[in-house]
Amino acid sequence: MTDMNNKNEPTTLLRRGLIGSVFAAICCFTPFLVLIVAGVGLSAIVGWLDYALFPMLFTSLSVVAYALWLEAGKLGRNPKIPLIVLAVVLSALLFWLEFRFALRISVAAALAVAGYALWLRNSGRVAAENMEGGQQ
């Protein structure tokens, strides 16, 4: 049984990162949140939502990448600091470009996390094969 109170547990981090990524993506790329905010009478903040949602998306994707690294058995150097820097740089880039390439940058970030997951999976498989070969 897993301890759900342990916030560093890889599966909990992965689950929370995926939920945050999906929520931010839905709210960024569909009018879902705009309709809810307008329905409550807070239409004045609709123009500012992207300034919170895109950093949330990039941060959630960074959490997913870190959780994948933990699940893979901590291969290589700890990616926590580079992931934080990447989330900040991507957010700043979107603000600087005034959200002109928001969809492209967001899709590229998601594909980078997917590629990182594949790399971690393959690295783990190679490391396991090397360990088995060394024990024989």
N, C-alpha and C. Protein backbone atom coordinates (compact mmCIF):
# COMPACT_ATOMS: atom_id res chain seq x y z
N MET A 1 0.84 -1.18 0.00
CA MET A 1 0.00 0.00 0.00
C MET A 1 0.89 1.24 0.00
N THR A 2 0.50 2.24 -0.74
CA THR A 2 1.31 3.44 -0.85
C THR A 2 0.86 4.49 0.15
N ASP A 3 1.77 5.32 0.56
CA ASP A 3 1.49 6.40 1.48
C ASP A 3 1.14 7.65 0.67
N MET A 4 -0.12 8.02 0.68
CA MET A 4 -0.58 9.16 -0.12
C MET A 4 -0.15 10.50 0.49
N ASN A 5 0.30 10.50 1.75
CA ASN A 5 0.73 11.75 2.36
C ASN A 5 2.16 12.11 1.97
N ASN A 6 2.90 11.18 1.39
CA ASN A 6 4.27 11.43 0.96
C ASN A 6 4.23 12.15 -0.39
N LYS A 7 4.47 13.46 -0.38
CA LYS A 7 4.34 14.24 -1.60
C LYS A 7 5.49 14.00 -2.58
N ASN A 8 6.55 13.31 -2.15
CA ASN A 8 7.68 13.03 -3.04
C ASN A 8 7.55 11.68 -3.72
N GLU A 9 6.50 10.97 -3.44
CA GLU A 9 6.31 9.67 -4.07
C GLU A 9 6.10 9.87 -5.57
N PRO A 10 6.82 9.11 -6.39
CA PRO A 10 6.76 9.33 -7.84
C PRO A 10 5.36 9.20 -8.44
N THR A 11 4.58 8.22 -8.02
CA THR A 11 3.26 8.07 -8.63
C THR A 11 2.33 9.21 -8.24
N THR A 12 2.46 9.70 -7.01
CA THR A 12 1.64 10.84 -6.58
C THR A 12 2.05 12.09 -7.34
N LEU A 13 3.35 12.30 -7.47
CA LEU A 13 3.83 13.46 -8.24
C LEU A 13 3.38 13.36 -9.69
N LEU A 14 3.48 12.17 -10.27
CA LEU A 14 3.08 11.98 -11.66
C LEU A 14 1.59 12.27 -11.84
N ARG A 15 0.80 11.74 -10.93
CA ARG A 15 -0.65 11.96 -11.01
C ARG A 15 -1.00 13.44 -10.89
N ARG A 16 -0.39 14.11 -9.92
CA ARG A 16 -0.67 15.54 -9.73
C ARG A 16 -0.17 16.38 -10.89
N GLY A 17 0.99 16.03 -11.43
CA GLY A 17 1.51 16.75 -12.58
C GLY A 17 0.64 16.58 -13.80
N LEU A 18 0.15 15.36 -14.02
CA LEU A 18 -0.73 15.12 -15.17
C LEU A 18 -2.06 15.84 -15.02
N ILE A 19 -2.62 15.82 -13.81
CA ILE A 19 -3.88 16.54 -13.58
C ILE A 19 -3.69 18.03 -13.82
N GLY A 20 -2.61 18.60 -13.30
CA GLY A 20 -2.34 20.03 -13.52
C GLY A 20 -2.11 20.36 -14.98
N SER A 21 -1.40 19.48 -15.70
CA SER A 21 -1.14 19.70 -17.13
C SER A 21 -2.43 19.66 -17.94
N VAL A 22 -3.25 18.67 -17.67
CA VAL A 22 -4.52 18.54 -18.42
C VAL A 22 -5.44 19.72 -18.11
N PHE A 23 -5.54 20.09 -16.83
CA PHE A 23 -6.38 21.22 -16.46
C PHE A 23 -5.90 22.51 -17.13
N ALA A 24 -4.60 22.76 -17.06
CA ALA A 24 -4.06 23.99 -17.66
C ALA A 24 -4.23 23.97 -19.18
N ALA A 25 -4.03 22.82 -19.81
CA ALA A 25 -4.19 22.74 -21.27
C ALA A 25 -5.65 22.98 -21.67
N ILE A 26 -6.57 22.38 -20.93
CA ILE A 26 -7.99 22.59 -21.24
C ILE A 26 -8.36 24.06 -21.08
N CYS A 27 -7.88 24.67 -20.01
CA CYS A 27 -8.21 26.07 -19.76
C CYS A 27 -7.48 27.03 -20.70
N CYS A 28 -6.29 26.65 -21.18
CA CYS A 28 -5.54 27.52 -22.10
C CYS A 28 -6.10 27.48 -23.51
N PHE A 29 -6.45 26.30 -23.97
CA PHE A 29 -6.75 26.13 -25.39
C PHE A 29 -8.23 25.93 -25.70
N THR A 30 -9.08 26.04 -24.71
CA THR A 30 -10.53 25.98 -24.94
C THR A 30 -11.16 27.15 -24.18
N PRO A 31 -12.38 27.50 -24.51
CA PRO A 31 -13.05 28.59 -23.78
C PRO A 31 -13.69 28.14 -22.47
N PHE A 32 -13.31 26.96 -21.97
CA PHE A 32 -13.92 26.40 -20.77
C PHE A 32 -13.85 27.36 -19.58
N LEU A 33 -12.66 27.78 -19.22
CA LEU A 33 -12.49 28.66 -18.06
C LEU A 33 -13.07 30.05 -18.30
N VAL A 34 -13.01 30.52 -19.53
CA VAL A 34 -13.58 31.83 -19.86
C VAL A 34 -15.08 31.82 -19.60
N LEU A 35 -15.75 30.76 -20.00
CA LEU A 35 -17.20 30.66 -19.76
C LEU A 35 -17.52 30.60 -18.27
N ILE A 36 -16.74 29.87 -17.51
CA ILE A 36 -16.99 29.77 -16.07
C ILE A 36 -16.76 31.12 -15.40
N VAL A 37 -15.65 31.77 -15.73
CA VAL A 37 -15.33 33.06 -15.12
C VAL A 37 -16.37 34.11 -15.52
N ALA A 38 -16.79 34.10 -16.78
CA ALA A 38 -17.81 35.06 -17.22
C ALA A 38 -19.15 34.77 -16.56
N GLY A 39 -19.45 33.50 -16.37
CA GLY A 39 -20.71 33.13 -15.72
C GLY A 39 -20.78 33.58 -14.28
N VAL A 40 -19.65 33.68 -13.62
CA VAL A 40 -19.61 34.12 -12.23
C VAL A 40 -19.58 35.64 -12.14
N GLY A 41 -19.34 36.30 -13.26
CA GLY A 41 -19.33 37.75 -13.28
C GLY A 41 -17.95 38.36 -13.14
N LEU A 42 -16.92 37.59 -13.41
CA LEU A 42 -15.55 38.09 -13.29
C LEU A 42 -14.88 38.22 -14.65
N SER A 43 -15.60 38.71 -15.61
CA SER A 43 -15.09 38.82 -16.98
C SER A 43 -13.87 39.72 -17.09
N ALA A 44 -13.67 40.60 -16.15
CA ALA A 44 -12.54 41.52 -16.22
C ALA A 44 -11.19 40.80 -16.13
N ILE A 45 -11.15 39.62 -15.51
CA ILE A 45 -9.87 38.93 -15.37
C ILE A 45 -9.57 37.96 -16.51
N VAL A 46 -10.50 37.82 -17.45
CA VAL A 46 -10.31 36.86 -18.54
C VAL A 46 -9.03 37.15 -19.33
N GLY A 47 -8.73 38.40 -19.56
CA GLY A 47 -7.55 38.77 -20.33
C GLY A 47 -6.24 38.42 -19.63
N TRP A 48 -6.30 38.23 -18.33
CA TRP A 48 -5.09 37.94 -17.55
C TRP A 48 -4.91 36.46 -17.24
N LEU A 49 -5.85 35.63 -17.63
CA LEU A 49 -5.78 34.21 -17.30
C LEU A 49 -4.54 33.52 -17.88
N ASP A 50 -4.17 33.88 -19.09
CA ASP A 50 -3.02 33.23 -19.72
C ASP A 50 -1.72 33.45 -18.95
N TYR A 51 -1.63 34.58 -18.23
CA TYR A 51 -0.42 34.86 -17.45
C TYR A 51 -0.28 33.92 -16.26
N ALA A 52 -1.34 33.25 -15.88
CA ALA A 52 -1.26 32.25 -14.81
C ALA A 52 -1.30 30.83 -15.37
N LEU A 53 -2.07 30.62 -16.44
CA LEU A 53 -2.28 29.26 -16.94
C LEU A 53 -1.06 28.68 -17.65
N PHE A 54 -0.36 29.47 -18.44
CA PHE A 54 0.80 28.93 -19.15
C PHE A 54 1.95 28.58 -18.19
N PRO A 55 2.28 29.43 -17.22
CA PRO A 55 3.28 28.98 -16.24
C PRO A 55 2.83 27.73 -15.48
N MET A 56 1.52 27.64 -15.20
CA MET A 56 1.01 26.44 -14.55
C MET A 56 1.20 25.21 -15.43
N LEU A 57 0.97 25.36 -16.72
CA LEU A 57 1.17 24.25 -17.66
C LEU A 57 2.63 23.82 -17.68
N PHE A 58 3.54 24.75 -17.80
CA PHE A 58 4.96 24.42 -17.88
C PHE A 58 5.47 23.85 -16.55
N THR A 59 4.98 24.36 -15.44
CA THR A 59 5.36 23.82 -14.13
C THR A 59 4.83 22.40 -13.96
N SER A 60 3.60 22.15 -14.38
CA SER A 60 3.03 20.81 -14.29
C SER A 60 3.78 19.83 -15.17
N LEU A 61 4.18 20.26 -16.35
CA LEU A 61 4.97 19.38 -17.21
C LEU A 61 6.34 19.09 -16.59
N SER A 62 6.90 20.07 -15.89
CA SER A 62 8.16 19.85 -15.18
C SER A 62 7.99 18.84 -14.05
N VAL A 63 6.86 18.91 -13.35
CA VAL A 63 6.58 17.95 -12.29
C VAL A 63 6.45 16.55 -12.87
N VAL A 64 5.80 16.43 -14.03
CA VAL A 64 5.68 15.13 -14.70
C VAL A 64 7.06 14.59 -15.05
N ALA A 65 7.92 15.43 -15.61
CA ALA A 65 9.27 14.99 -15.99
C ALA A 65 10.06 14.56 -14.76
N TYR A 66 9.94 15.29 -13.67
CA TYR A 66 10.66 14.92 -12.44
C TYR A 66 10.14 13.60 -11.88
N ALA A 67 8.81 13.41 -11.89
CA ALA A 67 8.23 12.16 -11.40
C ALA A 67 8.67 10.99 -12.26
N LEU A 68 8.75 11.20 -13.56
CA LEU A 68 9.23 10.13 -14.44
C LEU A 68 10.68 9.78 -14.13
N TRP A 69 11.49 10.79 -13.82
CA TRP A 69 12.87 10.55 -13.45
C TRP A 69 12.96 9.74 -12.16
N LEU A 70 12.09 10.07 -11.18
CA LEU A 70 12.07 9.32 -9.93
C LEU A 70 11.64 7.87 -10.16
N GLU A 71 10.62 7.68 -10.99
CA GLU A 71 10.14 6.33 -11.28
C GLU A 71 11.17 5.50 -12.03
N ALA A 72 12.00 6.15 -12.82
CA ALA A 72 12.99 5.43 -13.62
C ALA A 72 14.19 4.99 -12.78
N GLY A 73 14.21 5.33 -11.52
CA GLY A 73 15.31 4.90 -10.68
C GLY A 73 16.41 5.93 -10.56
N LYS A 74 16.09 7.20 -10.79
CA LYS A 74 17.04 8.30 -10.62
C LYS A 74 18.29 8.12 -11.46
N LEU A 75 18.10 7.97 -12.75
CA LEU A 75 19.22 7.83 -13.68
C LEU A 75 19.87 9.19 -13.93
N GLY A 76 21.16 9.26 -13.84
CA GLY A 76 21.88 10.50 -14.15
C GLY A 76 21.72 11.54 -13.05
N ARG A 77 21.97 12.79 -13.44
CA ARG A 77 21.91 13.91 -12.51
C ARG A 77 20.47 14.29 -12.22
N ASN A 78 20.27 14.89 -11.05
CA ASN A 78 18.94 15.35 -10.64
C ASN A 78 18.49 16.49 -11.57
N PRO A 79 17.33 16.34 -12.24
CA PRO A 79 16.89 17.36 -13.19
C PRO A 79 16.03 18.46 -12.58
N LYS A 80 15.94 18.54 -11.25
CA LYS A 80 15.01 19.49 -10.63
C LYS A 80 15.32 20.93 -11.01
N ILE A 81 16.55 21.37 -10.86
CA ILE A 81 16.92 22.76 -11.16
C ILE A 81 16.76 23.07 -12.65
N PRO A 82 17.26 22.21 -13.57
CA PRO A 82 17.04 22.50 -14.99
C PRO A 82 15.56 22.56 -15.37
N LEU A 83 14.73 21.73 -14.73
CA LEU A 83 13.30 21.76 -15.04
C LEU A 83 12.65 23.06 -14.56
N ILE A 84 13.06 23.53 -13.40
CA ILE A 84 12.53 24.80 -12.90
C ILE A 84 12.95 25.94 -13.83
N VAL A 85 14.22 25.95 -14.21
CA VAL A 85 14.72 26.99 -15.12
C VAL A 85 13.98 26.93 -16.45
N LEU A 86 13.75 25.72 -16.96
CA LEU A 86 13.05 25.57 -18.23
C LEU A 86 11.62 26.09 -18.15
N ALA A 87 10.92 25.81 -17.05
CA ALA A 87 9.55 26.31 -16.89
C ALA A 87 9.52 27.84 -16.85
N VAL A 88 10.48 28.43 -16.16
CA VAL A 88 10.55 29.89 -16.08
C VAL A 88 10.90 30.50 -17.44
N VAL A 89 11.86 29.90 -18.13
CA VAL A 89 12.29 30.42 -19.45
C VAL A 89 11.15 30.31 -20.46
N LEU A 90 10.44 29.18 -20.48
CA LEU A 90 9.33 29.04 -21.43
C LEU A 90 8.21 30.03 -21.12
N SER A 91 7.93 30.23 -19.85
CA SER A 91 6.90 31.22 -19.47
C SER A 91 7.32 32.62 -19.89
N ALA A 92 8.57 32.97 -19.60
CA ALA A 92 9.08 34.30 -19.97
C ALA A 92 9.08 34.48 -21.49
N LEU A 93 9.43 33.41 -22.21
CA LEU A 93 9.42 33.48 -23.68
C LEU A 93 8.02 33.76 -24.21
N LEU A 94 7.03 33.08 -23.64
CA LEU A 94 5.65 33.34 -24.08
C LEU A 94 5.22 34.77 -23.76
N PHE A 95 5.58 35.26 -22.60
CA PHE A 95 5.22 36.64 -22.26
C PHE A 95 5.91 37.62 -23.20
N TRP A 96 7.18 37.36 -23.50
CA TRP A 96 7.94 38.25 -24.38
C TRP A 96 7.38 38.23 -25.80
N LEU A 97 6.98 37.05 -26.27
CA LEU A 97 6.40 36.94 -27.62
C LEU A 97 4.92 37.30 -27.65
N GLU A 98 4.38 37.69 -26.52
CA GLU A 98 2.98 38.08 -26.40
C GLU A 98 2.04 36.96 -26.84
N PHE A 99 2.36 35.74 -26.49
CA PHE A 99 1.55 34.55 -26.72
C PHE A 99 1.32 34.23 -28.19
N ARG A 100 2.16 34.76 -29.08
CA ARG A 100 1.98 34.51 -30.51
C ARG A 100 2.19 33.05 -30.90
N PHE A 101 3.12 32.38 -30.26
CA PHE A 101 3.42 30.99 -30.59
C PHE A 101 3.09 30.07 -29.42
N ALA A 102 2.06 30.40 -28.68
CA ALA A 102 1.73 29.67 -27.45
C ALA A 102 1.45 28.20 -27.71
N LEU A 103 0.66 27.91 -28.71
CA LEU A 103 0.31 26.51 -28.99
C LEU A 103 1.54 25.72 -29.41
N ARG A 104 2.35 26.29 -30.27
CA ARG A 104 3.56 25.59 -30.74
C ARG A 104 4.54 25.34 -29.61
N ILE A 105 4.75 26.33 -28.77
CA ILE A 105 5.69 26.17 -27.66
C ILE A 105 5.15 25.17 -26.66
N SER A 106 3.86 25.19 -26.38
CA SER A 106 3.26 24.26 -25.43
C SER A 106 3.32 22.82 -25.94
N VAL A 107 3.03 22.63 -27.21
CA VAL A 107 3.10 21.29 -27.80
C VAL A 107 4.55 20.80 -27.80
N ALA A 108 5.48 21.68 -28.11
CA ALA A 108 6.90 21.30 -28.08
C ALA A 108 7.33 20.90 -26.67
N ALA A 109 6.85 21.60 -25.66
CA ALA A 109 7.18 21.25 -24.27
C ALA A 109 6.60 19.89 -23.90
N ALA A 110 5.36 19.63 -24.30
CA ALA A 110 4.74 18.33 -24.02
C ALA A 110 5.47 17.20 -24.75
N LEU A 111 5.86 17.45 -26.00
CA LEU A 111 6.60 16.44 -26.75
C LEU A 111 7.99 16.21 -26.14
N ALA A 112 8.60 17.25 -25.61
CA ALA A 112 9.90 17.10 -24.96
C ALA A 112 9.78 16.21 -23.71
N VAL A 113 8.69 16.38 -22.94
CA VAL A 113 8.48 15.53 -21.77
C VAL A 113 8.25 14.08 -22.21
N ALA A 114 7.48 13.88 -23.29
CA ALA A 114 7.26 12.53 -23.81
C ALA A 114 8.57 11.90 -24.29
N GLY A 115 9.40 12.67 -24.98
CA GLY A 115 10.70 12.18 -25.42
C GLY A 115 11.60 11.85 -24.24
N TYR A 116 11.55 12.67 -23.20
CA TYR A 116 12.33 12.41 -21.99
C TYR A 116 11.87 11.11 -21.33
N ALA A 117 10.56 10.88 -21.32
CA ALA A 117 10.03 9.64 -20.75
C ALA A 117 10.54 8.43 -21.53
N LEU A 118 10.53 8.52 -22.84
CA LEU A 118 11.05 7.42 -23.66
C LEU A 118 12.54 7.20 -23.41
N TRP A 119 13.29 8.28 -23.33
CA TRP A 119 14.72 8.16 -23.07
C TRP A 119 14.98 7.50 -21.72
N LEU A 120 14.21 7.92 -20.69
CA LEU A 120 14.37 7.32 -19.37
C LEU A 120 14.03 5.84 -19.39
N ARG A 121 12.97 5.49 -20.11
CA ARG A 121 12.57 4.09 -20.19
C ARG A 121 13.65 3.24 -20.87
N ASN A 122 14.18 3.75 -21.97
CA ASN A 122 15.23 3.02 -22.68
C ASN A 122 16.52 2.96 -21.86
N SER A 123 16.87 4.03 -21.18
CA SER A 123 18.07 4.05 -20.34
C SER A 123 17.94 3.05 -19.20
N GLY A 124 16.75 2.98 -18.61
CA GLY A 124 16.52 2.03 -17.53
C GLY A 124 16.61 0.60 -18.01
N ARG A 125 16.12 0.35 -19.21
CA ARG A 125 16.18 -0.99 -19.77
C ARG A 125 17.63 -1.39 -20.04
N VAL A 126 18.42 -0.46 -20.59
CA VAL A 126 19.83 -0.74 -20.86
C VAL A 126 20.59 -0.96 -19.57
N ALA A 127 20.31 -0.15 -18.55
CA ALA A 127 20.98 -0.29 -17.25
C ALA A 127 20.63 -1.64 -16.62
N ALA A 128 19.38 -2.06 -16.74
CA ALA A 128 18.96 -3.35 -16.18
C ALA A 128 19.64 -4.50 -16.91
N GLU A 129 19.76 -4.39 -18.23
CA GLU A 129 20.44 -5.42 -19.00
C GLU A 129 21.92 -5.50 -18.64
N ASN A 130 22.54 -4.35 -18.40
CA ASN A 130 23.95 -4.33 -18.00
C ASN A 130 24.14 -4.94 -16.63
N MET A 131 23.19 -4.69 -15.73
CA MET A 131 23.27 -5.27 -14.39
C MET A 131 23.12 -6.78 -14.45
N GLU A 132 22.18 -7.26 -15.26
CA GLU A 132 21.98 -8.72 -15.40
C GLU A 132 23.20 -9.37 -16.04
N GLY A 133 23.78 -8.71 -17.02
CA GLY A 133 24.96 -9.25 -17.71
C GLY A 133 26.16 -9.32 -16.78
N GLY A 134 26.28 -8.37 -15.86
CA GLY A 134 27.40 -8.34 -14.94
C GLY A 134 27.28 -9.37 -13.83
N GLN A 135 26.06 -9.82 -13.54
CA GLN A 135 25.85 -10.77 -12.46
C GLN A 135 26.07 -12.21 -12.92
N GLN A 136 26.04 -12.47 -14.20
CA GLN A 136 26.17 -13.83 -14.68
C GLN A 136 27.59 -14.32 -14.70
